[in-house]
Amino acid sequence: MFGYLHSILFATIRTVWF
């Protein structure tokens, strides 16, 4: 579950920066 949440968070940050 934590991995799923981390994946979404990372994807969101990556989308914002790139």
N, C-alpha and C. Protein backbone atom coordinates (compact mmCIF):
# COMPACT_ATOMS: atom_id res chain seq x y z
N MET A 1 0.84 -1.20 0.00
CA MET A 1 0.00 0.00 0.00
C MET A 1 0.87 1.25 0.00
N PHE A 2 1.91 1.23 0.84
CA PHE A 2 2.81 2.38 0.90
C PHE A 2 3.48 2.60 -0.44
N GLY A 3 3.85 1.49 -1.09
CA GLY A 3 4.51 1.60 -2.40
C GLY A 3 3.58 2.27 -3.41
N TYR A 4 2.28 1.93 -3.32
CA TYR A 4 1.31 2.49 -4.25
C TYR A 4 1.19 4.00 -4.04
N LEU A 5 1.11 4.40 -2.78
CA LEU A 5 0.99 5.82 -2.46
C LEU A 5 2.27 6.56 -2.88
N HIS A 6 3.41 5.94 -2.62
CA HIS A 6 4.69 6.56 -2.97
C HIS A 6 4.79 6.73 -4.49
N SER A 7 4.27 5.74 -5.22
CA SER A 7 4.32 5.81 -6.68
C SER A 7 3.52 7.00 -7.18
N ILE A 8 2.33 7.19 -6.61
CA ILE A 8 1.48 8.31 -7.03
C ILE A 8 2.15 9.64 -6.69
N LEU A 9 2.71 9.72 -5.47
CA LEU A 9 3.34 10.95 -5.05
C LEU A 9 4.53 11.28 -5.94
N PHE A 10 5.35 10.27 -6.23
CA PHE A 10 6.51 10.47 -7.08
C PHE A 10 6.09 10.91 -8.48
N ALA A 11 5.02 10.27 -8.99
CA ALA A 11 4.53 10.60 -10.33
C ALA A 11 4.04 12.05 -10.37
N THR A 12 3.36 12.47 -9.29
CA THR A 12 2.85 13.84 -9.23
C THR A 12 4.00 14.83 -9.21
N ILE A 13 5.00 14.58 -8.38
CA ILE A 13 6.15 15.48 -8.30
C ILE A 13 6.88 15.53 -9.64
N ARG A 14 7.05 14.38 -10.26
CA ARG A 14 7.75 14.32 -11.54
C ARG A 14 6.99 15.12 -12.60
N THR A 15 5.65 15.02 -12.55
CA THR A 15 4.82 15.75 -13.52
C THR A 15 4.96 17.26 -13.31
N VAL A 16 5.03 17.67 -12.05
CA VAL A 16 5.15 19.10 -11.74
C VAL A 16 6.50 19.64 -12.18
N TRP A 17 7.57 18.89 -11.89
CA TRP A 17 8.91 19.35 -12.23
C TRP A 17 9.19 19.24 -13.71
N PHE A 18 8.64 18.17 -14.36
CA PHE A 18 8.87 17.99 -15.78
C PHE A 18 7.56 18.14 -16.54
